[in-house]
């Protein structure tokens, strides 16, 4: 359970720039995006109302599914490969 102390969260990192927010807003399900330098397919997102929301992704090379912080994704990978 999260308790609002009125203090900013610790370890939040820097605030994304307007350009970064715009690129993330343009991400679509099924698109290839980048996470930690790896190409991943965006499979789903938690609602925008969820703090620190996660994205469900699949690694293009390994096929491994994982949940990662949405804020760490980078757009611009193109469409997912079709098998």
C-alpha atoms as a PDB file:
ATOM      1  CA  UNK A   1       0.000   0.000   0.000  1.00  0.00           C
ATOM      2  CA  UNK A   2       1.325   3.409  -0.956  1.00  0.00           C
ATOM      3  CA  UNK A   3       1.081   6.192   1.651  1.00  0.00           C
ATOM      4  CA  UNK A   4       1.157   9.828   0.555  1.00  0.00           C
ATOM      5  CA  UNK A   5       3.623  11.618   2.820  1.00  0.00           C
ATOM      6  CA  UNK A   6       3.497  14.867   0.886  1.00  0.00           C
ATOM      7  CA  UNK A   7       7.172  14.460   0.076  1.00  0.00           C
ATOM      8  CA  UNK A   8       8.478  13.730  -3.433  1.00  0.00           C
ATOM      9  CA  UNK A   9       9.439  10.116  -4.111  1.00  0.00           C
ATOM     10  CA  UNK A  10      13.086   9.256  -3.634  1.00  0.00           C
ATOM     11  CA  UNK A  11      15.029   7.888  -6.576  1.00  0.00           C
ATOM     12  CA  UNK A  12      12.604   9.067  -9.237  1.00  0.00           C
ATOM     13  CA  UNK A  13      15.415  10.150 -11.557  1.00  0.00           C
ATOM     14  CA  UNK A  14      15.186  13.043 -13.938  1.00  0.00           C
ATOM     15  CA  UNK A  15      11.933  14.291 -15.387  1.00  0.00           C
ATOM     16  CA  UNK A  16      11.476  13.297 -19.066  1.00  0.00           C
ATOM     17  CA  UNK A  17      11.638  16.105 -21.606  1.00  0.00           C
ATOM     18  CA  UNK A  18       8.580  17.079 -23.653  1.00  0.00           C
ATOM     19  CA  UNK A  19      10.082  15.323 -26.685  1.00  0.00           C
ATOM     20  CA  UNK A  20      10.583  12.096 -24.700  1.00  0.00           C
ATOM     21  CA  UNK A  21       6.992  12.204 -23.420  1.00  0.00           C
ATOM     22  CA  UNK A  22       5.716  12.765 -26.964  1.00  0.00           C
ATOM     23  CA  UNK A  23       7.681   9.805 -28.366  1.00  0.00           C
ATOM     24  CA  UNK A  24       6.354   7.516 -25.616  1.00  0.00           C
ATOM     25  CA  UNK A  25       2.793   8.695 -26.162  1.00  0.00           C
ATOM     26  CA  UNK A  26       3.084   7.657 -29.818  1.00  0.00           C
ATOM     27  CA  UNK A  27       4.012   4.042 -28.982  1.00  0.00           C
ATOM     28  CA  UNK A  28       1.506   1.465 -30.192  1.00  0.00           C
ATOM     29  CA  UNK A  29       0.856  -2.143 -29.205  1.00  0.00           C
ATOM     30  CA  UNK A  30       2.745  -4.453 -31.569  1.00  0.00           C
ATOM     31  CA  UNK A  31       5.468  -1.891 -32.256  1.00  0.00           C
ATOM     32  CA  UNK A  32       9.125  -2.728 -31.765  1.00  0.00           C
ATOM     33  CA  UNK A  33      10.647  -0.392 -29.169  1.00  0.00           C
ATOM     34  CA  UNK A  34      13.950  -0.369 -27.307  1.00  0.00           C
ATOM     35  CA  UNK A  35      14.515  -1.351 -23.689  1.00  0.00           C
ATOM     36  CA  UNK A  36      18.074  -1.239 -22.271  1.00  0.00           C
ATOM     37  CA  UNK A  37      19.501  -1.370 -25.784  1.00  0.00           C
ATOM     38  CA  UNK A  38      17.456  -4.428 -26.814  1.00  0.00           C
ATOM     39  CA  UNK A  39      14.635  -4.576 -29.352  1.00  0.00           C
ATOM     40  CA  UNK A  40      11.359  -5.613 -27.694  1.00  0.00           C
ATOM     41  CA  UNK A  41       7.781  -5.863 -28.943  1.00  0.00           C
ATOM     42  CA  UNK A  42       5.291  -3.815 -26.951  1.00  0.00           C
ATOM     43  CA  UNK A  43       2.490  -6.230 -25.995  1.00  0.00           C
ATOM     44  CA  UNK A  44       0.540  -4.183 -23.454  1.00  0.00           C
ATOM     45  CA  UNK A  45       0.522  -1.312 -20.976  1.00  0.00           C
ATOM     46  CA  UNK A  46      -0.895  -0.662 -17.545  1.00  0.00           C
ATOM     47  CA  UNK A  47      -3.434   2.204 -17.510  1.00  0.00           C
ATOM     48  CA  UNK A  48      -2.055   5.744 -17.486  1.00  0.00           C
ATOM     49  CA  UNK A  49      -3.597   6.270 -14.048  1.00  0.00           C
ATOM     50  CA  UNK A  50      -1.229   3.690 -12.504  1.00  0.00           C
ATOM     51  CA  UNK A  51       1.807   5.339 -10.906  1.00  0.00           C
ATOM     52  CA  UNK A  52       5.113   3.970 -12.199  1.00  0.00           C
ATOM     53  CA  UNK A  53       3.231   1.901 -14.760  1.00  0.00           C
ATOM     54  CA  UNK A  54       4.719  -1.142 -16.409  1.00  0.00           C
ATOM     55  CA  UNK A  55       4.805  -2.324 -19.999  1.00  0.00           C
ATOM     56  CA  UNK A  56       4.457  -5.965 -21.076  1.00  0.00           C
ATOM     57  CA  UNK A  57       7.145  -6.648 -23.683  1.00  0.00           C
ATOM     58  CA  UNK A  58       8.671  -9.589 -25.582  1.00  0.00           C
ATOM     59  CA  UNK A  59      12.367  -9.669 -26.455  1.00  0.00           C
ATOM     60  CA  UNK A  60      12.714  -9.953 -30.255  1.00  0.00           C
ATOM     61  CA  UNK A  61      15.784 -12.214 -30.089  1.00  0.00           C
ATOM     62  CA  UNK A  62      15.018 -14.500 -27.121  1.00  0.00           C
ATOM     63  CA  UNK A  63      11.202 -14.453 -27.208  1.00  0.00           C
ATOM     64  CA  UNK A  64      11.187 -13.898 -23.435  1.00  0.00           C
ATOM     65  CA  UNK A  65       8.202 -11.974 -22.032  1.00  0.00           C
ATOM     66  CA  UNK A  66       8.720  -9.504 -19.195  1.00  0.00           C
ATOM     67  CA  UNK A  67       7.239  -6.483 -17.482  1.00  0.00           C
ATOM     68  CA  UNK A  68       9.441  -3.397 -17.511  1.00  0.00           C
ATOM     69  CA  UNK A  69       9.041   0.246 -16.439  1.00  0.00           C
ATOM     70  CA  UNK A  70       7.218   2.106 -19.211  1.00  0.00           C
ATOM     71  CA  UNK A  71       9.401   5.150 -18.595  1.00  0.00           C
ATOM     72  CA  UNK A  72      12.471   3.137 -19.661  1.00  0.00           C
ATOM     73  CA  UNK A  73      11.146   2.327 -23.152  1.00  0.00           C
ATOM     74  CA  UNK A  74      12.326   4.211 -26.219  1.00  0.00           C
ATOM     75  CA  UNK A  75      10.141   4.449 -29.330  1.00  0.00           C
ATOM     76  CA  UNK A  76      11.215   4.147 -32.922  1.00  0.00           C
ATOM     77  CA  UNK A  77      11.870   0.460 -33.519  1.00  0.00           C
ATOM     78  CA  UNK A  78       9.255  -0.054 -36.261  1.00  0.00           C
ATOM     79  CA  UNK A  79       6.772  -2.884 -36.708  1.00  0.00           C
ATOM     80  CA  UNK A  80       7.158  -6.298 -35.115  1.00  0.00           C
ATOM     81  CA  UNK A  81       8.457  -9.114 -37.306  1.00  0.00           C
ATOM     82  CA  UNK A  82       5.798 -11.482 -38.632  1.00  0.00           C
ATOM     83  CA  UNK A  83       6.492 -15.215 -38.427  1.00  0.00           C
END
